[in-house]
Amino acid sequence: FRLLGDNLIIALAAALGKDFTIEAQAAWQKL
């Protein structure tokens, strides 16, 4: 599930681009 979560983060980063901040990534990592 961890790997799936990381892939989701990558997909979000690709979709949001510059709107995807370090803070947003950190928040996702905590889920």
PDB file of N, CA and C in Angstrom:
ATOM      1  N   PHE A   1       0.832  -1.197   0.000  1.00  0.00           N
ATOM      2  CA  PHE A   1       0.000   0.000   0.000  1.00  0.00           C
ATOM      3  C   PHE A   1       0.871   1.254   0.000  1.00  0.00           C
ATOM      4  N   ARG A   2       2.014   1.144   0.634  1.00  0.00           N
ATOM      5  CA  ARG A   2       2.948   2.271   0.669  1.00  0.00           C
ATOM      6  C   ARG A   2       3.383   2.649  -0.747  1.00  0.00           C
ATOM      7  N   LEU A   3       3.683   1.637  -1.555  1.00  0.00           N
ATOM      8  CA  LEU A   3       4.107   1.886  -2.931  1.00  0.00           C
ATOM      9  C   LEU A   3       2.982   2.535  -3.721  1.00  0.00           C
ATOM     10  N   LEU A   4       1.770   2.077  -3.487  1.00  0.00           N
ATOM     11  CA  LEU A   4       0.607   2.659  -4.160  1.00  0.00           C
ATOM     12  C   LEU A   4       0.465   4.128  -3.783  1.00  0.00           C
ATOM     13  N   GLY A   5       0.673   4.427  -2.518  1.00  0.00           N
ATOM     14  CA  GLY A   5       0.584   5.805  -2.050  1.00  0.00           C
ATOM     15  C   GLY A   5       1.635   6.689  -2.711  1.00  0.00           C
ATOM     16  N   ASP A   6       2.851   6.155  -2.843  1.00  0.00           N
ATOM     17  CA  ASP A   6       3.920   6.920  -3.482  1.00  0.00           C
ATOM     18  C   ASP A   6       3.590   7.193  -4.938  1.00  0.00           C
ATOM     19  N   ASN A   7       3.013   6.201  -5.615  1.00  0.00           N
ATOM     20  CA  ASN A   7       2.624   6.392  -7.010  1.00  0.00           C
ATOM     21  C   ASN A   7       1.535   7.441  -7.126  1.00  0.00           C
ATOM     22  N   LEU A   8       0.628   7.463  -6.151  1.00  0.00           N
ATOM     23  CA  LEU A   8      -0.446   8.453  -6.143  1.00  0.00           C
ATOM     24  C   LEU A   8       0.128   9.855  -5.970  1.00  0.00           C
ATOM     25  N   ILE A   9       1.124   9.979  -5.107  1.00  0.00           N
ATOM     26  CA  ILE A   9       1.783  11.269  -4.886  1.00  0.00           C
ATOM     27  C   ILE A   9       2.451  11.750  -6.174  1.00  0.00           C
ATOM     28  N   ILE A  10       3.118  10.825  -6.866  1.00  0.00           N
ATOM     29  CA  ILE A  10       3.773  11.169  -8.128  1.00  0.00           C
ATOM     30  C   ILE A  10       2.745  11.613  -9.154  1.00  0.00           C
ATOM     31  N   ALA A  11       1.624  10.907  -9.206  1.00  0.00           N
ATOM     32  CA  ALA A  11       0.558  11.249 -10.151  1.00  0.00           C
ATOM     33  C   ALA A  11      -0.016  12.624  -9.830  1.00  0.00           C
ATOM     34  N   LEU A  12      -0.210  12.902  -8.544  1.00  0.00           N
ATOM     35  CA  LEU A  12      -0.721  14.211  -8.128  1.00  0.00           C
ATOM     36  C   LEU A  12       0.269  15.310  -8.488  1.00  0.00           C
ATOM     37  N   ALA A  13       1.540  15.058  -8.253  1.00  0.00           N
ATOM     38  CA  ALA A  13       2.568  16.044  -8.559  1.00  0.00           C
ATOM     39  C   ALA A  13       2.580  16.351 -10.056  1.00  0.00           C
ATOM     40  N   ALA A  14       2.428  15.318 -10.869  1.00  0.00           N
ATOM     41  CA  ALA A  14       2.414  15.495 -12.318  1.00  0.00           C
ATOM     42  C   ALA A  14       1.181  16.275 -12.758  1.00  0.00           C
ATOM     43  N   ALA A  15       0.056  16.007 -12.106  1.00  0.00           N
ATOM     44  CA  ALA A  15      -1.198  16.651 -12.489  1.00  0.00           C
ATOM     45  C   ALA A  15      -1.252  18.105 -12.026  1.00  0.00           C
ATOM     46  N   LEU A  16      -0.765  18.359 -10.809  1.00  0.00           N
ATOM     47  CA  LEU A  16      -0.864  19.701 -10.236  1.00  0.00           C
ATOM     48  C   LEU A  16       0.314  20.593 -10.599  1.00  0.00           C
ATOM     49  N   GLY A  17       1.450  19.960 -10.904  1.00  0.00           N
ATOM     50  CA  GLY A  17       2.615  20.742 -11.284  1.00  0.00           C
ATOM     51  C   GLY A  17       3.098  21.635 -10.148  1.00  0.00           C
ATOM     52  N   LYS A  18       3.246  22.918 -10.441  1.00  0.00           N
ATOM     53  CA  LYS A  18       3.796  23.856  -9.463  1.00  0.00           C
ATOM     54  C   LYS A  18       2.890  24.036  -8.255  1.00  0.00           C
ATOM     55  N   ASP A  19       1.611  23.700  -8.385  1.00  0.00           N
ATOM     56  CA  ASP A  19       0.686  23.831  -7.261  1.00  0.00           C
ATOM     57  C   ASP A  19       0.939  22.773  -6.197  1.00  0.00           C
ATOM     58  N   PHE A  20       1.676  21.717  -6.589  1.00  0.00           N
ATOM     59  CA  PHE A  20       1.967  20.636  -5.651  1.00  0.00           C
ATOM     60  C   PHE A  20       3.222  20.991  -4.863  1.00  0.00           C
ATOM     61  N   THR A  21       3.044  21.460  -3.651  1.00  0.00           N
ATOM     62  CA  THR A  21       4.152  21.959  -2.851  1.00  0.00           C
ATOM     63  C   THR A  21       4.751  20.882  -1.958  1.00  0.00           C
ATOM     64  N   ILE A  22       5.874  21.207  -1.363  1.00  0.00           N
ATOM     65  CA  ILE A  22       6.517  20.308  -0.407  1.00  0.00           C
ATOM     66  C   ILE A  22       5.566  20.008   0.745  1.00  0.00           C
ATOM     67  N   GLU A  23       4.832  21.031   1.174  1.00  0.00           N
ATOM     68  CA  GLU A  23       3.889  20.859   2.282  1.00  0.00           C
ATOM     69  C   GLU A  23       2.792  19.874   1.915  1.00  0.00           C
ATOM     70  N   ALA A  24       2.297  19.966   0.692  1.00  0.00           N
ATOM     71  CA  ALA A  24       1.243  19.060   0.244  1.00  0.00           C
ATOM     72  C   ALA A  24       1.762  17.626   0.219  1.00  0.00           C
ATOM     73  N   GLN A  25       2.995  17.451  -0.248  1.00  0.00           N
ATOM     74  CA  GLN A  25       3.579  16.112  -0.296  1.00  0.00           C
ATOM     75  C   GLN A  25       3.738  15.559   1.115  1.00  0.00           C
ATOM     76  N   ALA A  26       4.188  16.397   2.033  1.00  0.00           N
ATOM     77  CA  ALA A  26       4.372  15.968   3.418  1.00  0.00           C
ATOM     78  C   ALA A  26       3.042  15.530   4.024  1.00  0.00           C
ATOM     79  N   ALA A  27       1.982  16.255   3.695  1.00  0.00           N
ATOM     80  CA  ALA A  27       0.658  15.912   4.208  1.00  0.00           C
ATOM     81  C   ALA A  27       0.223  14.546   3.693  1.00  0.00           C
ATOM     82  N   TRP A  28       0.482  14.276   2.407  1.00  0.00           N
ATOM     83  CA  TRP A  28       0.114  12.986   1.820  1.00  0.00           C
ATOM     84  C   TRP A  28       0.923  11.853   2.438  1.00  0.00           C
ATOM     85  N   GLN A  29       2.200  12.126   2.728  1.00  0.00           N
ATOM     86  CA  GLN A  29       3.068  11.096   3.301  1.00  0.00           C
ATOM     87  C   GLN A  29       2.547  10.635   4.661  1.00  0.00           C
ATOM     88  N   LYS A  30       1.851  11.520   5.369  1.00  0.00           N
ATOM     89  CA  LYS A  30       1.346  11.194   6.705  1.00  0.00           C
ATOM     90  C   LYS A  30       0.116  10.297   6.665  1.00  0.00           C
ATOM     91  N   LEU A  31      -0.567  10.225   5.534  1.00  0.00           N
ATOM     92  CA  LEU A  31      -1.789   9.426   5.437  1.00  0.00           C
ATOM     93  C   LEU A  31      -1.497   7.943   5.545  1.00  0.00           C
TER      94      LEU A  31
END
